[in-house]
Amino acid sequence: MPQLIKNGAPVENPWVIVPREESVDDALARPEAHLLVPVQMWLDHNERLAQSGKRIAVWLDSDQHPEMISAKVNEFELIALNFPKFSDGRAFSYAVALRKHYGYKGELRAIGDVLRDPLFYMKRCGFDSFDVADEVKLEDALSAFQDFKTTYASTVEEPLPLFRRRVPTS
């Protein structure tokens, strides 16, 4: 079973990731009611997907900037950003862009090679759900959000840097 952490807790995942290679016909023939489709499939077939009666969300690969969907960004209840490998961090920047520049308020999910170590930083960039890799122990993943008590820099999660958060002493 896929391991999903949402808002700091393990939850059931109703969304099925549709692979990039799958046709829209095959995707719509799936029995699942919640489809997480590649952004290009949505761009090419959004009317058909919308009329399918299924709940549709999109996922973007690391070479697909969120600008592709910027005009419709808040029509999605879920947007997923793919980490194809641990060393590809472009989705961190895309998460910040979605939250700060495009004003996305829905669920932002990390998918792909989502390991324990970057979870704390992913959350600070605006991710609120994490489809962690199968080899990651769920208990370890959940503890990642407690790795640090205080942070210095501003982020999506904490817009004020530490020096602005300090209470002046009298």
N, C-alpha and C. Protein backbone atom coordinates (compact mmCIF):
# COMPACT_ATOMS: atom_id res chain seq x y z
N MET A 1 0.84 -1.18 0.00
CA MET A 1 0.00 0.00 0.00
C MET A 1 0.89 1.24 0.00
N PRO A 2 0.57 2.22 -0.85
CA PRO A 2 1.36 3.45 -0.86
C PRO A 2 1.31 4.14 0.50
N GLN A 3 2.44 4.72 0.86
CA GLN A 3 2.54 5.40 2.14
C GLN A 3 2.31 6.90 1.92
N LEU A 4 1.23 7.40 2.47
CA LEU A 4 0.93 8.81 2.30
C LEU A 4 0.88 9.50 3.66
N ILE A 5 1.60 10.60 3.75
CA ILE A 5 1.55 11.45 4.93
C ILE A 5 0.88 12.75 4.50
N LYS A 6 -0.15 13.13 5.22
CA LYS A 6 -0.85 14.38 4.90
C LYS A 6 -1.04 15.16 6.19
N ASN A 7 -0.60 16.41 6.17
CA ASN A 7 -0.68 17.27 7.35
C ASN A 7 -0.10 16.60 8.59
N GLY A 8 1.03 15.90 8.41
CA GLY A 8 1.74 15.32 9.53
C GLY A 8 1.25 13.99 10.05
N ALA A 9 0.28 13.37 9.35
CA ALA A 9 -0.27 12.09 9.82
C ALA A 9 -0.43 11.12 8.66
N PRO A 10 -0.30 9.80 8.93
CA PRO A 10 -0.54 8.83 7.86
C PRO A 10 -2.03 8.77 7.52
N VAL A 11 -2.33 8.72 6.24
CA VAL A 11 -3.72 8.66 5.77
C VAL A 11 -3.82 7.70 4.59
N GLU A 12 -5.04 7.27 4.30
CA GLU A 12 -5.30 6.47 3.11
C GLU A 12 -5.18 7.38 1.88
N ASN A 13 -4.69 6.84 0.81
CA ASN A 13 -4.50 7.61 -0.41
C ASN A 13 -5.52 7.19 -1.47
N PRO A 14 -6.53 8.00 -1.74
CA PRO A 14 -7.51 7.62 -2.75
C PRO A 14 -7.05 7.90 -4.19
N TRP A 15 -5.97 8.68 -4.35
CA TRP A 15 -5.52 9.11 -5.67
C TRP A 15 -4.61 8.07 -6.31
N VAL A 16 -4.84 7.79 -7.58
CA VAL A 16 -4.02 6.86 -8.35
C VAL A 16 -3.22 7.68 -9.37
N ILE A 17 -1.91 7.50 -9.35
CA ILE A 17 -1.05 8.21 -10.29
C ILE A 17 -1.13 7.51 -11.65
N VAL A 18 -1.54 8.27 -12.65
CA VAL A 18 -1.60 7.76 -14.02
C VAL A 18 -0.23 7.99 -14.65
N PRO A 19 0.42 6.93 -15.14
CA PRO A 19 1.75 7.10 -15.75
C PRO A 19 1.69 7.96 -17.01
N ARG A 20 2.78 8.62 -17.29
CA ARG A 20 2.89 9.49 -18.46
C ARG A 20 2.60 8.74 -19.76
N GLU A 21 2.99 7.48 -19.83
CA GLU A 21 2.85 6.70 -21.06
C GLU A 21 1.41 6.25 -21.33
N GLU A 22 0.54 6.34 -20.34
CA GLU A 22 -0.83 5.83 -20.47
C GLU A 22 -1.67 6.79 -21.31
N SER A 23 -2.54 6.22 -22.12
CA SER A 23 -3.43 7.05 -22.94
C SER A 23 -4.59 7.56 -22.08
N VAL A 24 -5.23 8.62 -22.56
CA VAL A 24 -6.38 9.16 -21.83
C VAL A 24 -7.50 8.13 -21.79
N ASP A 25 -7.66 7.35 -22.85
CA ASP A 25 -8.69 6.30 -22.87
C ASP A 25 -8.45 5.27 -21.78
N ASP A 26 -7.20 4.83 -21.65
CA ASP A 26 -6.87 3.86 -20.61
C ASP A 26 -7.04 4.46 -19.21
N ALA A 27 -6.67 5.72 -19.07
CA ALA A 27 -6.81 6.38 -17.77
C ALA A 27 -8.29 6.45 -17.38
N LEU A 28 -9.14 6.84 -18.30
CA LEU A 28 -10.56 6.97 -17.99
C LEU A 28 -11.25 5.62 -17.82
N ALA A 29 -10.64 4.56 -18.35
CA ALA A 29 -11.20 3.21 -18.18
C ALA A 29 -10.87 2.62 -16.81
N ARG A 30 -9.99 3.25 -16.08
CA ARG A 30 -9.62 2.76 -14.74
C ARG A 30 -10.85 2.80 -13.83
N PRO A 31 -10.94 1.85 -12.91
CA PRO A 31 -12.09 1.85 -12.00
C PRO A 31 -12.01 2.91 -10.89
N GLU A 32 -10.80 3.41 -10.63
CA GLU A 32 -10.63 4.39 -9.54
C GLU A 32 -11.32 5.71 -9.88
N ALA A 33 -11.82 6.36 -8.83
CA ALA A 33 -12.57 7.61 -9.01
C ALA A 33 -11.68 8.85 -8.89
N HIS A 34 -10.45 8.70 -8.39
CA HIS A 34 -9.54 9.82 -8.18
C HIS A 34 -8.29 9.59 -9.02
N LEU A 35 -8.14 10.38 -10.07
CA LEU A 35 -7.00 10.20 -10.96
C LEU A 35 -6.04 11.38 -10.89
N LEU A 36 -4.79 11.08 -10.68
CA LEU A 36 -3.72 12.07 -10.69
C LEU A 36 -3.02 11.91 -12.03
N VAL A 37 -3.36 12.78 -12.97
CA VAL A 37 -2.92 12.61 -14.36
C VAL A 37 -1.71 13.50 -14.66
N PRO A 38 -0.89 13.08 -15.63
CA PRO A 38 0.23 13.93 -16.04
C PRO A 38 -0.31 15.25 -16.58
N VAL A 39 0.42 16.32 -16.33
CA VAL A 39 -0.06 17.64 -16.72
C VAL A 39 -0.30 17.73 -18.22
N GLN A 40 0.52 17.07 -19.02
CA GLN A 40 0.33 17.15 -20.47
C GLN A 40 -0.98 16.48 -20.89
N MET A 41 -1.36 15.38 -20.22
CA MET A 41 -2.64 14.74 -20.50
C MET A 41 -3.78 15.71 -20.19
N TRP A 42 -3.65 16.40 -19.07
CA TRP A 42 -4.70 17.36 -18.71
C TRP A 42 -4.76 18.51 -19.71
N LEU A 43 -3.60 19.01 -20.13
CA LEU A 43 -3.58 20.10 -21.11
C LEU A 43 -4.20 19.69 -22.43
N ASP A 44 -3.95 18.45 -22.84
CA ASP A 44 -4.46 17.96 -24.13
C ASP A 44 -5.93 17.53 -24.08
N HIS A 45 -6.41 17.10 -22.90
CA HIS A 45 -7.75 16.49 -22.81
C HIS A 45 -8.56 17.01 -21.62
N ASN A 46 -8.36 18.25 -21.20
CA ASN A 46 -9.00 18.70 -19.96
C ASN A 46 -10.52 18.67 -20.02
N GLU A 47 -11.12 18.98 -21.15
CA GLU A 47 -12.59 18.94 -21.23
C GLU A 47 -13.11 17.51 -21.07
N ARG A 48 -12.46 16.59 -21.73
CA ARG A 48 -12.87 15.19 -21.64
C ARG A 48 -12.69 14.65 -20.22
N LEU A 49 -11.58 14.99 -19.59
CA LEU A 49 -11.34 14.56 -18.22
C LEU A 49 -12.37 15.15 -17.28
N ALA A 50 -12.70 16.43 -17.48
CA ALA A 50 -13.68 17.09 -16.61
C ALA A 50 -15.06 16.47 -16.74
N GLN A 51 -15.40 15.98 -17.90
CA GLN A 51 -16.72 15.38 -18.14
C GLN A 51 -16.78 13.90 -17.76
N SER A 52 -15.69 13.35 -17.28
CA SER A 52 -15.62 11.91 -17.01
C SER A 52 -16.37 11.49 -15.74
N GLY A 53 -16.67 12.44 -14.87
CA GLY A 53 -17.29 12.09 -13.59
C GLY A 53 -16.28 11.68 -12.54
N LYS A 54 -15.01 11.66 -12.90
CA LYS A 54 -13.95 11.31 -11.96
C LYS A 54 -13.35 12.60 -11.40
N ARG A 55 -12.76 12.48 -10.21
CA ARG A 55 -12.03 13.62 -9.66
C ARG A 55 -10.64 13.61 -10.29
N ILE A 56 -10.25 14.75 -10.84
CA ILE A 56 -9.01 14.85 -11.59
C ILE A 56 -8.07 15.85 -10.92
N ALA A 57 -6.83 15.43 -10.75
CA ALA A 57 -5.76 16.30 -10.29
C ALA A 57 -4.59 16.09 -11.24
N VAL A 58 -3.57 16.93 -11.13
CA VAL A 58 -2.43 16.82 -12.04
C VAL A 58 -1.12 16.63 -11.29
N TRP A 59 -0.18 16.01 -12.00
CA TRP A 59 1.19 15.95 -11.49
C TRP A 59 2.13 16.50 -12.55
N LEU A 60 3.14 17.21 -12.08
CA LEU A 60 4.14 17.80 -12.96
C LEU A 60 5.48 17.13 -12.70
N ASP A 61 6.21 16.90 -13.78
CA ASP A 61 7.55 16.33 -13.65
C ASP A 61 8.52 17.47 -13.35
N SER A 62 9.75 17.12 -13.04
CA SER A 62 10.72 18.13 -12.60
C SER A 62 11.15 19.08 -13.71
N ASP A 63 10.87 18.73 -14.96
CA ASP A 63 11.19 19.65 -16.07
C ASP A 63 9.96 20.41 -16.56
N GLN A 64 8.88 20.37 -15.82
CA GLN A 64 7.64 21.06 -16.20
C GLN A 64 7.32 22.13 -15.16
N HIS A 65 7.52 23.36 -15.54
CA HIS A 65 7.30 24.48 -14.62
C HIS A 65 5.81 24.68 -14.39
N PRO A 66 5.41 25.03 -13.17
CA PRO A 66 3.99 25.24 -12.86
C PRO A 66 3.33 26.35 -13.68
N GLU A 67 4.13 27.16 -14.33
CA GLU A 67 3.58 28.20 -15.20
C GLU A 67 2.64 27.59 -16.26
N MET A 68 2.87 26.32 -16.58
CA MET A 68 2.03 25.63 -17.57
C MET A 68 0.56 25.64 -17.18
N ILE A 69 0.28 25.68 -15.88
CA ILE A 69 -1.10 25.62 -15.40
C ILE A 69 -1.47 26.85 -14.56
N SER A 70 -0.67 27.89 -14.65
CA SER A 70 -0.85 29.04 -13.75
C SER A 70 -2.24 29.67 -13.85
N ALA A 71 -2.83 29.70 -15.02
CA ALA A 71 -4.15 30.32 -15.18
C ALA A 71 -5.25 29.51 -14.51
N LYS A 72 -5.04 28.23 -14.30
CA LYS A 72 -6.07 27.34 -13.75
C LYS A 72 -5.66 26.71 -12.43
N VAL A 73 -4.58 27.20 -11.85
CA VAL A 73 -3.98 26.53 -10.70
C VAL A 73 -4.97 26.27 -9.56
N ASN A 74 -5.84 27.20 -9.26
CA ASN A 74 -6.74 27.00 -8.12
C ASN A 74 -8.00 26.21 -8.46
N GLU A 75 -8.06 25.67 -9.65
CA GLU A 75 -9.14 24.75 -10.00
C GLU A 75 -8.83 23.32 -9.55
N PHE A 76 -7.60 23.08 -9.15
CA PHE A 76 -7.18 21.74 -8.73
C PHE A 76 -7.22 21.62 -7.22
N GLU A 77 -7.84 20.56 -6.72
CA GLU A 77 -7.79 20.32 -5.28
C GLU A 77 -6.46 19.72 -4.87
N LEU A 78 -5.74 19.15 -5.84
CA LEU A 78 -4.45 18.52 -5.59
C LEU A 78 -3.54 18.76 -6.78
N ILE A 79 -2.31 19.16 -6.50
CA ILE A 79 -1.25 19.22 -7.50
C ILE A 79 -0.08 18.45 -6.90
N ALA A 80 0.48 17.54 -7.68
CA ALA A 80 1.64 16.77 -7.23
C ALA A 80 2.85 17.17 -8.05
N LEU A 81 3.99 17.23 -7.38
CA LEU A 81 5.25 17.52 -8.04
C LEU A 81 6.16 16.32 -7.88
N ASN A 82 6.71 15.87 -9.00
CA ASN A 82 7.50 14.65 -9.02
C ASN A 82 8.97 14.92 -8.73
N PHE A 83 9.53 14.11 -7.84
CA PHE A 83 10.96 14.07 -7.59
C PHE A 83 11.46 12.78 -8.25
N PRO A 84 11.92 12.85 -9.52
CA PRO A 84 12.29 11.62 -10.22
C PRO A 84 13.49 10.91 -9.60
N LYS A 85 14.35 11.68 -8.94
CA LYS A 85 15.48 11.10 -8.21
C LYS A 85 15.83 12.05 -7.08
N PHE A 86 16.45 11.53 -6.06
CA PHE A 86 16.76 12.28 -4.85
C PHE A 86 17.52 13.57 -5.15
N SER A 87 18.42 13.54 -6.12
CA SER A 87 19.29 14.68 -6.39
C SER A 87 18.64 15.77 -7.24
N ASP A 88 17.41 15.57 -7.69
CA ASP A 88 16.71 16.57 -8.51
C ASP A 88 15.79 17.38 -7.62
N GLY A 89 16.19 18.60 -7.30
CA GLY A 89 15.44 19.42 -6.36
C GLY A 89 14.59 20.52 -6.97
N ARG A 90 14.37 20.47 -8.27
CA ARG A 90 13.60 21.55 -8.91
C ARG A 90 12.19 21.68 -8.32
N ALA A 91 11.62 20.59 -7.86
CA ALA A 91 10.26 20.65 -7.32
C ALA A 91 10.18 21.48 -6.05
N PHE A 92 11.28 21.65 -5.33
CA PHE A 92 11.28 22.55 -4.17
C PHE A 92 10.93 23.97 -4.64
N SER A 93 11.59 24.42 -5.68
CA SER A 93 11.34 25.76 -6.21
C SER A 93 9.94 25.87 -6.79
N TYR A 94 9.48 24.81 -7.44
CA TYR A 94 8.13 24.84 -8.02
C TYR A 94 7.07 24.92 -6.93
N ALA A 95 7.32 24.26 -5.80
CA ALA A 95 6.37 24.33 -4.69
C ALA A 95 6.26 25.76 -4.17
N VAL A 96 7.40 26.42 -4.01
CA VAL A 96 7.39 27.81 -3.57
C VAL A 96 6.66 28.68 -4.58
N ALA A 97 6.93 28.46 -5.87
CA ALA A 97 6.26 29.24 -6.92
C ALA A 97 4.75 29.04 -6.86
N LEU A 98 4.31 27.80 -6.70
CA LEU A 98 2.87 27.54 -6.64
C LEU A 98 2.23 28.25 -5.47
N ARG A 99 2.85 28.22 -4.31
CA ARG A 99 2.28 28.83 -3.11
C ARG A 99 2.40 30.36 -3.14
N LYS A 100 3.59 30.88 -3.42
CA LYS A 100 3.81 32.32 -3.30
C LYS A 100 3.41 33.10 -4.55
N HIS A 101 3.79 32.63 -5.72
CA HIS A 101 3.58 33.41 -6.94
C HIS A 101 2.22 33.17 -7.59
N TYR A 102 1.74 31.92 -7.50
CA TYR A 102 0.46 31.59 -8.13
C TYR A 102 -0.68 31.48 -7.12
N GLY A 103 -0.38 31.60 -5.84
CA GLY A 103 -1.41 31.62 -4.80
C GLY A 103 -2.17 30.31 -4.63
N TYR A 104 -1.53 29.19 -4.92
CA TYR A 104 -2.21 27.90 -4.81
C TYR A 104 -2.51 27.58 -3.35
N LYS A 105 -3.77 27.26 -3.06
CA LYS A 105 -4.21 26.99 -1.69
C LYS A 105 -4.55 25.52 -1.44
N GLY A 106 -4.62 24.70 -2.49
CA GLY A 106 -5.00 23.30 -2.34
C GLY A 106 -3.87 22.43 -1.82
N GLU A 107 -4.10 21.13 -1.90
CA GLU A 107 -3.10 20.16 -1.44
C GLU A 107 -1.95 20.10 -2.43
N LEU A 108 -0.74 20.20 -1.90
CA LEU A 108 0.47 20.11 -2.71
C LEU A 108 1.24 18.88 -2.26
N ARG A 109 1.39 17.92 -3.16
CA ARG A 109 1.95 16.62 -2.81
C ARG A 109 3.29 16.37 -3.47
N ALA A 110 4.22 15.79 -2.73
CA ALA A 110 5.50 15.33 -3.26
C ALA A 110 5.34 13.85 -3.62
N ILE A 111 5.72 13.52 -4.86
CA ILE A 111 5.65 12.13 -5.33
C ILE A 111 7.01 11.76 -5.93
N GLY A 112 7.22 10.48 -6.15
CA GLY A 112 8.46 10.01 -6.77
C GLY A 112 9.42 9.48 -5.73
N ASP A 113 10.68 9.91 -5.84
CA ASP A 113 11.72 9.46 -4.94
C ASP A 113 11.71 10.33 -3.68
N VAL A 114 10.65 10.19 -2.90
CA VAL A 114 10.46 11.01 -1.69
C VAL A 114 11.01 10.23 -0.51
N LEU A 115 12.16 10.67 -0.03
CA LEU A 115 12.85 10.00 1.07
C LEU A 115 12.66 10.77 2.37
N ARG A 116 13.15 10.21 3.46
CA ARG A 116 12.94 10.80 4.78
C ARG A 116 13.66 12.14 4.96
N ASP A 117 14.93 12.21 4.57
CA ASP A 117 15.76 13.36 4.90
C ASP A 117 15.21 14.72 4.43
N PRO A 118 14.69 14.86 3.23
CA PRO A 118 14.22 16.18 2.80
C PRO A 118 12.79 16.53 3.22
N LEU A 119 12.09 15.67 3.93
CA LEU A 119 10.68 15.94 4.27
C LEU A 119 10.50 17.25 5.02
N PHE A 120 11.36 17.52 5.99
CA PHE A 120 11.26 18.76 6.77
C PHE A 120 11.33 19.98 5.84
N TYR A 121 12.26 19.94 4.88
CA TYR A 121 12.44 21.07 3.96
C TYR A 121 11.31 21.14 2.94
N MET A 122 10.81 20.01 2.52
CA MET A 122 9.67 19.99 1.60
C MET A 122 8.47 20.70 2.23
N LYS A 123 8.24 20.40 3.50
CA LYS A 123 7.12 21.03 4.20
C LYS A 123 7.32 22.54 4.27
N ARG A 124 8.53 22.98 4.51
CA ARG A 124 8.81 24.42 4.59
C ARG A 124 8.63 25.11 3.25
N CYS A 125 8.74 24.37 2.17
CA CYS A 125 8.54 24.95 0.83
C CYS A 125 7.07 24.98 0.42
N GLY A 126 6.19 24.35 1.20
CA GLY A 126 4.77 24.42 0.88
C GLY A 126 4.08 23.09 0.66
N PHE A 127 4.83 21.99 0.63
CA PHE A 127 4.19 20.69 0.50
C PHE A 127 3.42 20.36 1.77
N ASP A 128 2.24 19.77 1.62
CA ASP A 128 1.49 19.33 2.80
C ASP A 128 1.12 17.86 2.75
N SER A 129 1.48 17.18 1.65
CA SER A 129 1.31 15.72 1.63
C SER A 129 2.50 15.11 0.90
N PHE A 130 2.82 13.88 1.30
CA PHE A 130 4.05 13.23 0.86
C PHE A 130 3.78 11.76 0.59
N ASP A 131 3.94 11.36 -0.66
CA ASP A 131 3.81 9.96 -1.05
C ASP A 131 5.21 9.38 -0.97
N VAL A 132 5.59 8.92 0.23
CA VAL A 132 6.98 8.51 0.47
C VAL A 132 7.29 7.19 -0.22
N ALA A 133 8.56 7.04 -0.58
CA ALA A 133 9.04 5.84 -1.27
C ALA A 133 8.80 4.60 -0.42
N ASP A 134 8.59 3.49 -1.08
CA ASP A 134 8.29 2.23 -0.40
C ASP A 134 9.35 1.80 0.60
N GLU A 135 10.62 2.12 0.32
CA GLU A 135 11.69 1.69 1.22
C GLU A 135 11.80 2.53 2.49
N VAL A 136 11.05 3.60 2.60
CA VAL A 136 11.07 4.47 3.78
C VAL A 136 10.10 3.93 4.83
N LYS A 137 10.58 3.80 6.05
CA LYS A 137 9.71 3.37 7.14
C LYS A 137 8.84 4.56 7.54
N LEU A 138 7.55 4.33 7.62
CA LEU A 138 6.60 5.40 7.90
C LEU A 138 6.90 6.12 9.21
N GLU A 139 7.29 5.37 10.25
CA GLU A 139 7.60 5.97 11.54
C GLU A 139 8.79 6.93 11.42
N ASP A 140 9.80 6.52 10.64
CA ASP A 140 10.96 7.38 10.42
C ASP A 140 10.56 8.64 9.66
N ALA A 141 9.73 8.47 8.66
CA ALA A 141 9.28 9.61 7.87
C ALA A 141 8.52 10.61 8.73
N LEU A 142 7.66 10.12 9.58
CA LEU A 142 6.89 11.02 10.45
C LEU A 142 7.78 11.79 11.42
N SER A 143 8.87 11.18 11.86
CA SER A 143 9.76 11.87 12.79
C SER A 143 10.56 12.98 12.11
N ALA A 144 10.64 12.97 10.79
CA ALA A 144 11.42 13.97 10.06
C ALA A 144 10.91 15.39 10.29
N PHE A 145 9.63 15.53 10.55
CA PHE A 145 9.05 16.86 10.72
C PHE A 145 9.44 17.49 12.05
N GLN A 146 10.07 16.71 12.92
CA GLN A 146 10.52 17.21 14.22
C GLN A 146 12.04 17.37 14.28
N ASP A 147 12.71 17.27 13.14
CA ASP A 147 14.17 17.33 13.13
C ASP A 147 14.74 18.62 13.71
N PHE A 148 14.07 19.73 13.48
CA PHE A 148 14.56 21.03 13.93
C PHE A 148 13.45 21.76 14.66
N LYS A 149 13.83 22.46 15.71
CA LYS A 149 12.84 23.23 16.49
C LYS A 149 12.74 24.66 15.99
N THR A 150 13.88 25.25 15.63
CA THR A 150 13.93 26.63 15.20
C THR A 150 14.63 26.71 13.85
N THR A 151 14.11 27.55 12.99
CA THR A 151 14.73 27.76 11.69
C THR A 151 15.06 29.24 11.55
N TYR A 152 16.03 29.55 10.74
CA TYR A 152 16.48 30.93 10.59
C TYR A 152 15.83 31.64 9.41
N ALA A 153 15.79 30.99 8.28
CA ALA A 153 15.33 31.64 7.05
C ALA A 153 13.81 31.66 6.96
N SER A 154 13.31 32.58 6.17
CA SER A 154 11.87 32.62 5.90
C SER A 154 11.54 31.61 4.81
N THR A 155 10.33 31.06 4.87
CA THR A 155 9.86 30.10 3.87
C THR A 155 8.37 30.29 3.69
N VAL A 156 7.78 29.44 2.87
CA VAL A 156 6.33 29.46 2.69
C VAL A 156 5.66 29.19 4.03
N GLU A 157 6.18 28.23 4.76
CA GLU A 157 5.60 27.82 6.04
C GLU A 157 5.76 28.90 7.12
N GLU A 158 6.90 29.55 7.16
CA GLU A 158 7.19 30.60 8.15
C GLU A 158 7.77 31.80 7.42
N PRO A 159 6.91 32.77 7.06
CA PRO A 159 7.37 33.89 6.23
C PRO A 159 8.34 34.86 6.93
N LEU A 160 8.39 34.86 8.25
CA LEU A 160 9.30 35.76 8.95
C LEU A 160 10.61 35.06 9.30
N PRO A 161 11.74 35.70 8.99
CA PRO A 161 13.02 35.11 9.42
C PRO A 161 13.15 35.21 10.94
N LEU A 162 14.07 34.46 11.50
CA LEU A 162 14.22 34.37 12.95
C LEU A 162 14.40 35.74 13.60
N PHE A 163 15.21 36.62 13.02
CA PHE A 163 15.45 37.90 13.66
C PHE A 163 14.18 38.74 13.75
N ARG A 164 13.20 38.50 12.87
CA ARG A 164 11.92 39.21 12.95
C ARG A 164 10.95 38.56 13.93
N ARG A 165 11.21 37.29 14.27
CA ARG A 165 10.34 36.58 15.20
C ARG A 165 10.77 36.75 16.65
N ARG A 166 11.96 37.20 16.87
CA ARG A 166 12.48 37.33 18.24
C ARG A 166 11.72 38.43 18.98
N VAL A 167 11.45 38.15 20.21
CA VAL A 167 10.76 39.12 21.06
C VAL A 167 11.82 40.03 21.68
N PRO A 168 11.65 41.36 21.54
CA PRO A 168 12.65 42.26 22.11
C PRO A 168 12.68 42.14 23.65
N THR A 169 13.85 42.18 24.20
CA THR A 169 13.99 42.14 25.65
C THR A 169 13.98 43.56 26.18
N SER A 170 13.44 43.74 27.37
CA SER A 170 13.39 45.09 27.92
C SER A 170 14.45 45.34 28.93
